[in-house]
Amino acid sequence: MHNDVLDLRSLAVPVIAAPMAGGPSTPELAAAATNAGGLGFLAAGYLTAETLAERIAAARALTSGPLGVNLFVPQASVAAHDAIHRYAATLEDEASRYHAKLGEPRYDDDHWAAKLEVVMDLRPDVVSFTFGLPDAEQCSRLRALGIATVATVTTLAEGEAAVARGVDVLAAQGPNAGGHRGTLDAAATPPTQPLDQLLRATTIRLGVPVIAAGGLMTAVDVADVLAYGAVAAQLGTAFLLADEAGSSPVHRAALQDPQFGETAVTRCFSGRYARGLRNRFIDEHDAAAPFGYPEIHYLTSPLRAAAVRAGDPHGVNVWAGTGFRKAKAAPVADIIASVA
């Protein structure tokens, strides 16, 4: 890694608070993770560029340490119009149930260019990428500004592609991760290779620092991935119940509700594979859900918002990794102390 960008091996505590788009990630959570000696991330997904800039400023006001920002890389749509139309028809009962209208299944690039300008202007210490890779020119521009680049990968081949683009660090995401899988091919079945095997392959073969992510919840989990060669452990689900997290009351309650015993990987909420608590919506709609991110995300968004307003965890994506039962309601500093 270049000397002028943050070396993740220099963190006092090798723990990263993962970016969790859609609510859980807050400036308070990111700053608290950094203040505890780790590295906090802001999630840019679904935000406007202006809101992202405001959140970076808010986090900066709460910490003098390093901060990361995660961007969703836009990809060509894999949606088929007729498949989405058929899926929408199967969701009419959900719309009636929650007194909501289905959303417009549109494609957008999540304000990619504008957010890239924001991070180049405000210069967080680290920028990570999910769903796709920055190009070589973007990597070199970020590095010239003193910004370390991290690519989320789920296979050795994806890691090789990322290193070829010039990223500084890889975030190797294993199959137990909560929320969206970082698989670069949006229409591929997410790999099931265990995290320890992915870590061994990427750390031995690729010659760049590797962050371990996916299902890490405890001090033993963190120690294990560090022993396998990771420079840091990235935890998301472990922070969903944190005092500083923006998780909705419905999300918090469901994570602690004994009726939810397992997670499932589904594309029924967003058109892209993601892991969350298995609930009624998944049971009823998973089989019919086509590919199509972000089109399906926008189609189901009003339903999910209405389910949250109704306090119903069975109509919304409750993203969580496989170890969700071990999540604790506590300040971020206490959670980091317990895993470090």
Protein backbone atom coordinates (compact mmCIF):
# COMPACT_ATOMS: atom_id res chain seq x y z
CA MET A 1 0.00 0.00 0.00
CA HIS A 2 1.23 3.49 -0.76
CA ASN A 3 2.73 5.45 2.11
CA ASP A 4 0.48 8.47 1.58
CA VAL A 5 -2.79 6.60 2.25
CA LEU A 6 -4.09 5.10 5.50
CA ASP A 7 -2.47 1.76 6.32
CA LEU A 8 -5.21 -0.35 7.90
CA ARG A 9 -2.50 -2.28 9.76
CA SER A 10 -1.97 0.89 11.81
CA LEU A 11 -5.42 0.83 13.44
CA ALA A 12 -5.19 0.61 17.25
CA VAL A 13 -8.01 -1.96 17.12
CA PRO A 14 -8.30 -4.07 13.93
CA VAL A 15 -12.08 -3.76 13.81
CA ILE A 16 -14.11 -1.97 11.13
CA ALA A 17 -17.76 -0.97 11.51
CA ALA A 18 -19.18 -2.07 8.17
CA PRO A 19 -21.19 0.33 6.02
CA MET A 20 -24.89 -0.61 6.22
CA ALA A 21 -27.02 1.34 3.77
CA GLY A 22 -30.69 2.06 4.28
CA GLY A 23 -30.57 3.35 7.84
CA PRO A 24 -28.27 1.47 10.24
CA SER A 25 -25.10 3.41 9.37
CA THR A 26 -25.03 6.85 10.98
CA PRO A 27 -22.34 9.50 11.50
CA GLU A 28 -22.58 8.67 15.22
CA LEU A 29 -21.90 4.97 14.63
CA ALA A 30 -18.97 5.63 12.29
CA ALA A 31 -17.38 8.19 14.61
CA ALA A 32 -17.84 5.98 17.68
CA ALA A 33 -16.11 3.06 15.95
CA THR A 34 -13.18 5.28 15.01
CA ASN A 35 -13.02 6.80 18.48
CA ALA A 36 -12.83 3.28 19.93
CA GLY A 37 -9.64 2.68 17.95
CA GLY A 38 -11.17 1.00 14.92
CA LEU A 39 -12.46 2.43 11.63
CA GLY A 40 -16.01 3.63 11.10
CA PHE A 41 -17.72 3.65 7.71
CA LEU A 42 -20.53 5.75 6.30
CA ALA A 43 -22.83 4.06 3.78
CA ALA A 44 -23.52 6.23 0.73
CA GLY A 45 -26.03 3.83 -0.83
CA TYR A 46 -29.49 5.32 -1.50
CA LEU A 47 -28.39 8.80 -0.38
CA THR A 48 -28.14 11.91 -2.51
CA ALA A 49 -24.67 13.40 -2.93
CA GLU A 50 -25.73 16.35 -0.76
CA THR A 51 -26.85 14.10 2.09
CA LEU A 52 -23.63 12.12 1.85
CA ALA A 53 -21.61 15.33 2.18
CA GLU A 54 -23.65 16.32 5.23
CA ARG A 55 -23.06 12.93 6.86
CA ILE A 56 -19.31 13.07 6.25
CA ALA A 57 -19.25 16.53 7.85
CA ALA A 58 -21.36 15.28 10.78
CA ALA A 59 -19.04 12.32 11.39
CA ARG A 60 -15.97 14.54 11.11
CA ALA A 61 -17.39 16.78 13.81
CA LEU A 62 -17.53 13.75 16.14
CA THR A 63 -14.05 12.32 15.57
CA SER A 64 -10.59 13.44 14.58
CA GLY A 65 -9.65 9.91 13.50
CA PRO A 66 -9.97 8.16 10.12
CA LEU A 67 -13.31 7.61 8.40
CA GLY A 68 -14.44 5.47 5.50
CA VAL A 69 -17.21 5.91 2.92
CA ASN A 70 -18.77 3.07 0.92
CA LEU A 71 -20.13 3.62 -2.59
CA PHE A 72 -22.38 1.35 -4.67
CA VAL A 73 -20.83 0.97 -8.12
CA PRO A 74 -23.50 1.11 -10.84
CA GLN A 75 -23.85 -1.85 -13.15
CA ALA A 76 -25.76 -2.54 -16.32
CA SER A 77 -29.32 -3.57 -15.59
CA VAL A 78 -30.06 -7.31 -15.64
CA ALA A 79 -33.80 -6.76 -15.28
CA ALA A 80 -36.32 -8.14 -17.76
CA HIS A 81 -39.35 -5.86 -18.08
CA ASP A 82 -41.89 -8.68 -18.42
CA ALA A 83 -40.45 -10.57 -15.42
CA ILE A 84 -40.73 -7.47 -13.24
CA HIS A 85 -44.28 -6.90 -14.47
CA ARG A 86 -45.21 -10.47 -13.49
CA TYR A 87 -43.56 -10.07 -10.10
CA ALA A 88 -45.39 -6.79 -9.48
CA ALA A 89 -48.70 -8.60 -10.09
CA THR A 90 -47.83 -11.09 -7.32
CA LEU A 91 -47.26 -8.20 -4.90
CA GLU A 92 -50.72 -6.62 -5.23
CA ASP A 93 -51.91 -8.46 -2.09
CA GLU A 94 -48.98 -6.95 -0.17
CA ALA A 95 -49.99 -3.49 -1.35
CA SER A 96 -53.53 -4.10 -0.09
CA ARG A 97 -52.27 -5.52 3.22
CA TYR A 98 -50.19 -2.43 3.98
CA HIS A 99 -52.44 0.15 2.26
CA ALA A 100 -49.57 1.13 0.01
CA LYS A 101 -48.90 1.47 -3.70
CA LEU A 102 -46.15 -0.41 -5.47
CA GLY A 103 -43.18 1.72 -6.45
CA GLU A 104 -41.98 2.49 -9.95
CA PRO A 105 -39.38 -0.17 -10.93
CA ARG A 106 -36.80 2.24 -12.32
CA TYR A 107 -33.10 1.99 -12.99
CA ASP A 108 -30.63 4.55 -11.68
CA ASP A 109 -26.91 4.68 -10.92
CA ASP A 110 -27.29 5.79 -7.26
CA HIS A 111 -25.86 9.25 -8.07
CA TRP A 112 -22.48 7.60 -8.74
CA ALA A 113 -20.66 10.49 -10.44
CA ALA A 114 -21.88 13.08 -7.93
CA LYS A 115 -20.89 10.91 -4.95
CA LEU A 116 -17.47 10.25 -6.44
CA GLU A 117 -17.03 14.03 -6.64
CA VAL A 118 -18.08 14.36 -2.99
CA VAL A 119 -15.46 11.89 -1.78
CA MET A 120 -12.78 13.48 -3.96
CA ASP A 121 -13.71 16.86 -2.53
CA LEU A 122 -14.10 15.89 1.16
CA ARG A 123 -11.40 13.20 1.15
CA PRO A 124 -12.39 10.58 3.69
CA ASP A 125 -9.41 8.37 4.55
CA VAL A 126 -10.88 5.32 2.85
CA VAL A 127 -13.42 4.77 0.08
CA SER A 128 -14.76 1.25 -0.43
CA PHE A 129 -16.76 -0.07 -3.36
CA THR A 130 -19.55 -2.65 -3.49
CA PHE A 131 -21.34 -4.37 -6.43
CA GLY A 132 -18.62 -3.38 -8.87
CA LEU A 133 -15.11 -2.02 -9.25
CA PRO A 134 -13.78 1.49 -9.81
CA ASP A 135 -11.72 1.84 -12.97
CA ALA A 136 -7.95 2.27 -12.91
CA GLU A 137 -8.17 6.02 -13.46
CA GLN A 138 -10.59 6.46 -10.55
CA CYS A 139 -8.29 4.41 -8.29
CA SER A 140 -5.28 6.53 -9.19
CA ARG A 141 -7.19 9.80 -8.78
CA LEU A 142 -8.34 8.74 -5.30
CA ARG A 143 -4.86 7.63 -4.31
CA ALA A 144 -3.39 10.92 -5.51
CA LEU A 145 -5.75 12.62 -3.06
CA GLY A 146 -4.50 10.41 -0.22
CA ILE A 147 -7.58 8.21 -0.18
CA ALA A 148 -7.16 4.43 0.24
CA THR A 149 -9.41 2.32 -1.99
CA VAL A 150 -11.09 -0.94 -0.91
CA ALA A 151 -12.96 -3.34 -3.22
CA THR A 152 -15.58 -5.75 -1.86
CA VAL A 153 -15.01 -9.20 -3.38
CA THR A 154 -16.51 -12.65 -2.86
CA THR A 155 -14.09 -14.83 -4.87
CA LEU A 156 -10.40 -14.99 -5.70
CA ALA A 157 -11.20 -14.13 -9.32
CA GLU A 158 -13.02 -10.96 -8.23
CA GLY A 159 -10.00 -10.12 -6.06
CA GLU A 160 -7.66 -10.54 -9.03
CA ALA A 161 -9.85 -8.22 -11.12
CA ALA A 162 -9.85 -5.61 -8.34
CA VAL A 163 -6.08 -5.71 -7.87
CA ALA A 164 -5.67 -5.34 -11.65
CA ARG A 165 -7.65 -2.06 -11.41
CA GLY A 166 -5.25 -0.79 -8.77
CA VAL A 167 -7.22 -0.94 -5.52
CA ASP A 168 -5.17 -0.75 -2.34
CA VAL A 169 -7.11 -3.23 -0.18
CA LEU A 170 -9.65 -6.02 -0.61
CA ALA A 171 -12.66 -6.65 1.62
CA ALA A 172 -13.20 -10.41 1.33
CA GLN A 173 -16.89 -11.03 2.03
CA GLY A 174 -17.87 -14.53 3.10
CA PRO A 175 -21.27 -16.18 2.64
CA ASN A 176 -22.53 -15.53 6.19
CA ALA A 177 -22.70 -11.77 5.62
CA GLY A 178 -25.91 -9.89 6.31
CA GLY A 179 -27.40 -7.57 3.72
CA HIS A 180 -26.42 -7.54 0.06
CA ARG A 181 -23.73 -9.84 -1.19
CA GLY A 182 -20.94 -7.98 -2.96
CA THR A 183 -20.83 -10.39 -5.91
CA LEU A 184 -19.68 -8.47 -8.99
CA ASP A 185 -21.97 -10.36 -11.40
CA ALA A 186 -25.44 -9.27 -10.32
CA ALA A 187 -27.04 -12.31 -11.97
CA ALA A 188 -24.68 -14.90 -10.46
CA THR A 189 -25.57 -17.14 -7.54
CA PRO A 190 -23.45 -15.84 -4.64
CA PRO A 191 -20.47 -18.07 -3.84
CA THR A 192 -20.62 -20.28 -0.77
CA GLN A 193 -16.86 -20.69 -0.25
CA PRO A 194 -16.26 -20.29 3.50
CA LEU A 195 -14.64 -17.04 4.59
CA ASP A 196 -11.51 -18.74 5.95
CA GLN A 197 -10.84 -20.35 2.55
CA LEU A 198 -11.46 -17.08 0.70
CA LEU A 199 -9.10 -15.32 3.10
CA ARG A 200 -6.36 -17.92 2.60
CA ALA A 201 -6.66 -17.66 -1.17
CA THR A 202 -6.70 -13.85 -1.35
CA THR A 203 -4.02 -13.17 1.27
CA ILE A 204 -1.59 -15.70 -0.21
CA ARG A 205 -2.15 -14.93 -3.89
CA LEU A 206 -2.83 -11.24 -4.28
CA GLY A 207 -0.21 -9.25 -2.40
CA VAL A 208 -2.52 -6.57 -0.99
CA PRO A 209 -3.96 -6.21 2.53
CA VAL A 210 -7.26 -8.05 3.00
CA ILE A 211 -10.13 -7.16 5.33
CA ALA A 212 -12.32 -10.08 6.43
CA ALA A 213 -16.10 -9.61 6.37
CA GLY A 214 -19.22 -11.73 6.71
CA GLY A 215 -20.79 -13.17 9.85
CA LEU A 216 -18.12 -12.03 12.31
CA MET A 217 -19.69 -11.44 15.74
CA THR A 218 -17.31 -12.38 18.55
CA ALA A 219 -13.75 -11.95 19.81
CA VAL A 220 -13.03 -15.52 18.65
CA ASP A 221 -14.32 -14.69 15.14
CA VAL A 222 -12.06 -11.65 14.99
CA ALA A 223 -9.02 -13.54 16.29
CA ASP A 224 -9.62 -16.31 13.76
CA VAL A 225 -9.66 -14.05 10.70
CA LEU A 226 -6.59 -12.17 11.90
CA ALA A 227 -4.85 -15.54 12.29
CA TYR A 228 -5.80 -16.35 8.68
CA GLY A 229 -3.99 -13.23 7.53
CA ALA A 230 -6.64 -10.49 7.50
CA VAL A 231 -5.41 -7.01 8.51
CA ALA A 232 -8.79 -6.20 10.08
CA ALA A 233 -12.23 -7.69 10.72
CA GLN A 234 -15.28 -5.87 9.35
CA LEU A 235 -18.45 -6.34 11.41
CA GLY A 236 -21.91 -5.17 10.45
CA THR A 237 -24.61 -7.26 12.13
CA ALA A 238 -22.73 -6.95 15.45
CA PHE A 239 -23.53 -3.21 15.38
CA LEU A 240 -27.20 -3.34 14.32
CA LEU A 241 -28.39 -3.03 17.93
CA ALA A 242 -25.75 -0.46 18.90
CA ASP A 243 -27.00 2.69 20.63
CA GLU A 244 -25.55 4.78 17.79
CA ALA A 245 -27.02 2.70 14.94
CA GLY A 246 -29.93 3.99 12.87
CA SER A 247 -31.67 0.59 12.73
CA SER A 248 -35.46 0.96 12.78
CA PRO A 249 -37.45 -0.12 15.86
CA VAL A 250 -38.87 -2.97 13.74
CA HIS A 251 -35.37 -4.13 12.77
CA ARG A 252 -34.16 -3.97 16.38
CA ALA A 253 -37.16 -5.85 17.74
CA ALA A 254 -37.00 -8.58 15.07
CA LEU A 255 -33.32 -9.27 15.76
CA GLN A 256 -34.25 -10.05 19.37
CA ASP A 257 -37.54 -11.88 18.66
CA PRO A 258 -37.42 -15.66 19.23
CA GLN A 259 -39.89 -16.22 16.36
CA PHE A 260 -37.05 -15.54 13.92
CA GLY A 261 -34.73 -18.51 14.01
CA GLU A 262 -32.79 -18.29 10.77
CA THR A 263 -31.64 -16.11 7.92
CA ALA A 264 -32.16 -16.64 4.20
CA VAL A 265 -30.50 -15.31 1.07
CA THR A 266 -33.14 -13.79 -1.19
CA ARG A 267 -33.63 -11.33 -4.03
CA CYS A 268 -37.35 -10.77 -3.32
CA PHE A 269 -36.83 -7.32 -1.75
CA SER A 270 -34.27 -5.73 -4.06
CA GLY A 271 -33.73 -7.93 -7.11
CA ARG A 272 -30.22 -8.69 -5.87
CA TYR A 273 -29.13 -11.43 -3.47
CA ALA A 274 -29.05 -10.37 0.18
CA ARG A 275 -29.24 -12.13 3.55
CA GLY A 276 -31.89 -11.27 6.12
CA LEU A 277 -34.15 -12.82 8.72
CA ARG A 278 -36.43 -15.35 7.09
CA ASN A 279 -39.96 -13.95 7.35
CA ARG A 280 -43.36 -14.22 5.71
CA PHE A 281 -42.44 -11.99 2.76
CA ILE A 282 -39.46 -14.20 1.89
CA ASP A 283 -41.49 -17.38 2.29
CA GLU A 284 -44.26 -16.11 0.00
CA HIS A 285 -42.29 -14.23 -2.66
CA ASP A 286 -38.76 -15.59 -2.92
CA ALA A 287 -39.60 -18.16 -5.60
CA ALA A 288 -41.25 -15.58 -7.87
CA ALA A 289 -38.67 -12.81 -7.51
CA PRO A 290 -36.67 -12.03 -10.65
CA PHE A 291 -33.28 -10.41 -10.97
CA GLY A 292 -33.36 -6.65 -11.30
CA TYR A 293 -31.45 -4.31 -9.02
CA PRO A 294 -32.31 -1.54 -8.32
CA GLU A 295 -35.62 -1.91 -10.15
CA ILE A 296 -37.08 -4.39 -7.65
CA HIS A 297 -35.69 -2.30 -4.77
CA TYR A 298 -37.80 0.63 -5.98
CA LEU A 299 -40.80 -1.60 -6.71
CA THR A 300 -40.96 -2.93 -3.13
CA SER A 301 -39.73 0.19 -1.33
CA PRO A 302 -43.19 1.64 -0.51
CA LEU A 303 -44.36 -1.77 0.76
CA ARG A 304 -41.36 -2.08 3.04
CA ALA A 305 -41.75 1.45 4.36
CA ALA A 306 -45.43 0.78 5.07
CA ALA A 307 -44.58 -2.46 6.90
CA VAL A 308 -42.12 -0.56 9.09
CA ARG A 309 -44.78 2.07 9.85
CA ALA A 310 -47.15 -0.76 10.76
CA GLY A 311 -44.51 -2.30 13.03
CA ASP A 312 -44.61 -5.54 11.03
CA PRO A 313 -41.26 -7.36 10.62
CA HIS A 314 -42.84 -9.78 8.15
CA GLY A 315 -43.20 -7.24 5.34
CA VAL A 316 -39.72 -5.73 5.33
CA ASN A 317 -36.13 -6.78 4.73
CA VAL A 318 -34.54 -7.35 8.15
CA TRP A 319 -30.97 -7.63 6.89
CA ALA A 320 -28.75 -9.68 9.20
CA GLY A 321 -25.86 -12.09 9.06
CA THR A 322 -26.06 -15.68 10.29
CA GLY A 323 -24.73 -14.76 13.74
CA PHE A 324 -27.49 -12.22 14.47
CA ARG A 325 -28.43 -13.92 17.76
CA LYS A 326 -25.12 -12.69 19.20
CA ALA A 327 -25.84 -9.00 18.50
CA LYS A 328 -25.95 -6.91 21.67
CA ALA A 329 -27.73 -3.67 22.48
CA ALA A 330 -24.86 -1.53 23.79
CA PRO A 331 -22.72 1.48 22.91
CA VAL A 332 -20.36 0.97 19.95
CA ALA A 333 -17.33 1.36 22.23
CA ASP A 334 -18.51 -1.54 24.40
CA ILE A 335 -19.19 -3.76 21.37
CA ILE A 336 -15.71 -3.09 19.98
CA ALA A 337 -14.11 -3.75 23.37
CA SER A 338 -15.94 -7.07 23.55
CA VAL A 339 -14.74 -8.30 20.13
CA ALA A 340 -11.22 -6.89 20.30
